[in-house]
Amino acid sequence: MLGAITGDIVGSVYAFNNIKQKDFELFGSKAFFTDETVLTIALMEAITRDVDYGQVMHWYYLQYPRVSYGGHFRKWAASLSEQPYNSWGNGSAMRTSPVAYAFNTLEEVLAKAEHYASFTHNHPEGVKGAQATSAAIFMARNGTSKEAIRHYISNQFDYDLDRTLDNIRPTYHFDVS
């Protein structure tokens, strides 16, 4: 969770900008926590207290209404809806790190990642992103090699992990997926 929250704060000033350089300030004066930090903490609370994640997300939304939630999430949270909104964006992957630490087998991590993603991100791609991220974190915390993690994620989720940052950078543009 600390890595996810740190990454969120460090990346906050770059999130909607197509920054393509390697030079950046780690904790700049304009850095801030976003909805990803709020909802990661909400997920850990839901897991540790064994309570409904949807209700916890709604409560956290009301406590932190001005962070950078996506439009669909904001509408969902404000309506107090219990129904997911079929999101395929990156939110479920961004906030899933507690799942990788709270459960003890890869099978359980995959099932719980799907469960917690589905409160909002019930589109197959939204679920897949949460599962891939949770699996990678779980495998890393259990000493699995980078190459074995790469192989598993590529095969299990059909993600192309052979591209390098230098290959991606020239054509990259921000996209919630």
Protein backbone atom coordinates (compact mmCIF):
# COMPACT_ATOMS: atom_id res chain seq x y z
CA MET A 1 0.00 0.00 0.00
CA LEU A 2 2.80 2.42 0.80
CA GLY A 3 4.24 1.94 -2.68
CA ALA A 4 0.85 2.51 -4.28
CA ILE A 5 0.20 5.63 -2.22
CA THR A 6 3.71 6.97 -2.83
CA GLY A 7 3.31 6.36 -6.58
CA ASP A 8 -0.04 8.12 -6.51
CA ILE A 9 1.36 11.21 -4.82
CA VAL A 10 4.52 11.33 -6.94
CA GLY A 11 2.54 10.82 -10.14
CA SER A 12 -0.29 13.19 -9.25
CA VAL A 13 1.29 16.18 -10.96
CA TYR A 14 1.86 14.17 -14.14
CA ALA A 15 -1.39 12.21 -14.34
CA PHE A 16 -3.10 14.22 -17.05
CA ASN A 17 0.02 15.43 -18.81
CA ASN A 18 2.01 13.52 -21.40
CA ILE A 19 5.31 13.73 -19.56
CA LYS A 20 7.92 11.81 -21.52
CA GLN A 21 11.16 12.61 -19.76
CA LYS A 22 12.93 10.62 -17.10
CA ASP A 23 13.77 13.73 -15.08
CA PHE A 24 11.14 14.58 -12.51
CA GLU A 25 10.81 15.80 -8.96
CA LEU A 26 9.80 13.01 -6.60
CA PHE A 27 7.72 15.00 -4.11
CA GLY A 28 7.15 18.37 -5.73
CA SER A 29 5.34 21.17 -3.95
CA LYS A 30 2.27 20.57 -6.12
CA ALA A 31 2.05 16.82 -5.42
CA PHE A 32 -1.15 15.59 -3.77
CA PHE A 33 -3.02 12.39 -2.98
CA THR A 34 -5.77 11.44 -5.40
CA ASP A 35 -8.84 9.26 -5.45
CA GLU A 36 -6.55 6.26 -5.85
CA THR A 37 -5.07 6.79 -2.38
CA VAL A 38 -8.50 7.38 -0.86
CA LEU A 39 -9.98 4.24 -2.44
CA THR A 40 -6.89 2.10 -1.65
CA ILE A 41 -7.26 3.01 2.02
CA ALA A 42 -11.01 2.38 1.77
CA LEU A 43 -10.33 -1.08 0.35
CA MET A 44 -7.92 -1.96 3.14
CA GLU A 45 -10.49 -0.83 5.67
CA ALA A 46 -13.22 -2.94 4.02
CA ILE A 47 -10.93 -5.99 4.04
CA THR A 48 -9.67 -5.61 7.61
CA ARG A 49 -13.12 -4.82 9.03
CA ASP A 50 -14.82 -7.38 6.74
CA VAL A 51 -17.45 -4.87 5.65
CA ASP A 52 -19.07 -4.01 2.33
CA TYR A 53 -16.56 -2.22 0.10
CA GLY A 54 -19.29 -0.35 -1.75
CA GLN A 55 -20.53 1.23 1.46
CA VAL A 56 -16.98 2.07 2.54
CA MET A 57 -16.24 3.70 -0.83
CA HIS A 58 -19.40 5.79 -0.55
CA TRP A 59 -18.39 6.91 2.97
CA TYR A 60 -14.86 7.82 1.87
CA TYR A 61 -16.24 9.69 -1.13
CA LEU A 62 -18.33 11.82 1.21
CA GLN A 63 -15.27 12.45 3.42
CA TYR A 64 -13.03 13.38 0.45
CA PRO A 65 -15.37 14.72 -2.25
CA ARG A 66 -12.82 17.00 -3.92
CA VAL A 67 -10.14 14.54 -4.99
CA SER A 68 -9.81 13.57 -8.66
CA TYR A 69 -12.51 10.92 -9.02
CA GLY A 70 -13.56 10.00 -12.53
CA GLY A 71 -16.92 11.24 -13.72
CA HIS A 72 -18.60 7.82 -13.67
CA PHE A 73 -17.32 7.06 -10.16
CA ARG A 74 -18.39 10.48 -8.90
CA LYS A 75 -21.91 9.95 -10.25
CA TRP A 76 -22.02 6.41 -8.79
CA ALA A 77 -20.76 7.50 -5.37
CA ALA A 78 -23.01 10.56 -5.13
CA SER A 79 -26.07 8.46 -5.99
CA LEU A 80 -25.27 5.92 -3.25
CA SER A 81 -25.94 3.26 -5.86
CA GLU A 82 -25.23 -0.38 -5.07
CA GLN A 83 -24.92 -1.29 -8.75
CA PRO A 84 -21.56 -1.26 -10.57
CA TYR A 85 -21.21 0.90 -13.66
CA ASN A 86 -19.25 -1.44 -15.92
CA SER A 87 -16.02 0.55 -15.86
CA TRP A 88 -13.06 -0.81 -17.79
CA GLY A 89 -10.65 1.93 -16.67
CA ASN A 90 -7.56 1.63 -14.53
CA GLY A 91 -9.13 2.48 -11.17
CA SER A 92 -9.60 -1.09 -10.00
CA ALA A 93 -5.95 -1.89 -10.77
CA MET A 94 -4.76 1.31 -9.12
CA ARG A 95 -6.40 0.56 -5.78
CA THR A 96 -6.03 -3.22 -5.52
CA SER A 97 -2.73 -3.51 -3.63
CA PRO A 98 -4.34 -4.43 -0.26
CA VAL A 99 -5.77 -7.58 -1.86
CA ALA A 100 -2.26 -8.85 -2.61
CA TYR A 101 -1.29 -8.57 1.07
CA ALA A 102 -4.50 -9.63 2.80
CA PHE A 103 -4.91 -13.06 1.23
CA ASN A 104 -2.64 -16.09 1.26
CA THR A 105 -2.96 -17.93 -2.05
CA LEU A 106 -2.85 -16.79 -5.64
CA GLU A 107 -6.28 -18.32 -6.24
CA GLU A 108 -7.74 -16.38 -3.31
CA VAL A 109 -6.02 -13.16 -4.47
CA LEU A 110 -7.48 -13.55 -7.97
CA ALA A 111 -10.98 -14.20 -6.63
CA LYS A 112 -10.84 -11.31 -4.16
CA ALA A 113 -9.40 -8.95 -6.77
CA GLU A 114 -12.38 -9.74 -8.99
CA HIS A 115 -14.78 -9.32 -6.08
CA TYR A 116 -13.44 -5.93 -4.99
CA ALA A 117 -13.02 -4.63 -8.55
CA SER A 118 -16.59 -5.54 -9.39
CA PHE A 119 -18.11 -2.98 -7.02
CA THR A 120 -17.43 -0.41 -9.74
CA HIS A 121 -15.25 -2.00 -12.45
CA ASN A 122 -17.31 -5.02 -13.44
CA HIS A 123 -16.29 -4.83 -17.10
CA PRO A 124 -14.00 -7.81 -17.91
CA GLU A 125 -11.06 -5.46 -18.62
CA GLY A 126 -11.53 -3.67 -15.29
CA VAL A 127 -11.54 -7.00 -13.46
CA LYS A 128 -8.56 -8.26 -15.46
CA GLY A 129 -6.49 -5.18 -14.56
CA ALA A 130 -7.17 -5.64 -10.85
CA GLN A 131 -6.39 -9.35 -11.02
CA ALA A 132 -3.14 -8.85 -12.95
CA THR A 133 -1.93 -6.14 -10.58
CA SER A 134 -2.91 -8.11 -7.47
CA ALA A 135 -1.27 -11.27 -8.82
CA ALA A 136 1.97 -9.45 -9.66
CA ILE A 137 2.17 -7.89 -6.18
CA PHE A 138 1.30 -11.18 -4.48
CA MET A 139 3.91 -13.09 -6.48
CA ALA A 140 6.58 -10.45 -5.81
CA ARG A 141 5.91 -10.45 -2.06
CA ASN A 142 6.31 -14.23 -2.11
CA GLY A 143 9.71 -14.10 -3.79
CA THR A 144 8.72 -14.97 -7.36
CA SER A 145 11.29 -13.77 -9.89
CA LYS A 146 10.54 -10.83 -12.19
CA GLU A 147 10.76 -13.11 -15.20
CA ALA A 148 8.30 -15.62 -13.72
CA ILE A 149 5.88 -12.80 -12.87
CA ARG A 150 6.21 -11.38 -16.39
CA HIS A 151 5.56 -14.81 -17.89
CA TYR A 152 2.51 -15.44 -15.69
CA ILE A 153 0.94 -12.02 -16.31
CA SER A 154 1.58 -12.23 -20.07
CA ASN A 155 0.10 -15.71 -20.38
CA GLN A 156 -2.73 -15.45 -17.87
CA PHE A 157 -3.99 -12.00 -18.88
CA ASP A 158 -2.71 -11.66 -22.44
CA TYR A 159 -0.75 -8.48 -21.69
CA ASP A 160 2.20 -7.59 -23.92
CA LEU A 161 5.00 -7.00 -21.45
CA ASP A 162 7.82 -7.20 -24.00
CA ARG A 163 7.70 -3.51 -24.92
CA THR A 164 10.27 -1.25 -23.27
CA LEU A 165 9.64 2.21 -21.91
CA ASP A 166 11.74 3.61 -24.76
CA ASN A 167 9.42 1.81 -27.24
CA ILE A 168 6.28 3.16 -25.58
CA ARG A 169 7.34 6.74 -24.86
CA PRO A 170 7.23 8.22 -28.41
CA THR A 171 3.57 7.38 -29.03
CA TYR A 172 2.24 7.34 -25.48
CA HIS A 173 -0.74 9.50 -24.59
CA PHE A 174 -2.88 9.51 -21.47
CA ASP A 175 -5.74 7.03 -21.48
CA VAL A 176 -7.63 5.79 -18.42
CA SER A 177 -7.16 2.21 -19.57
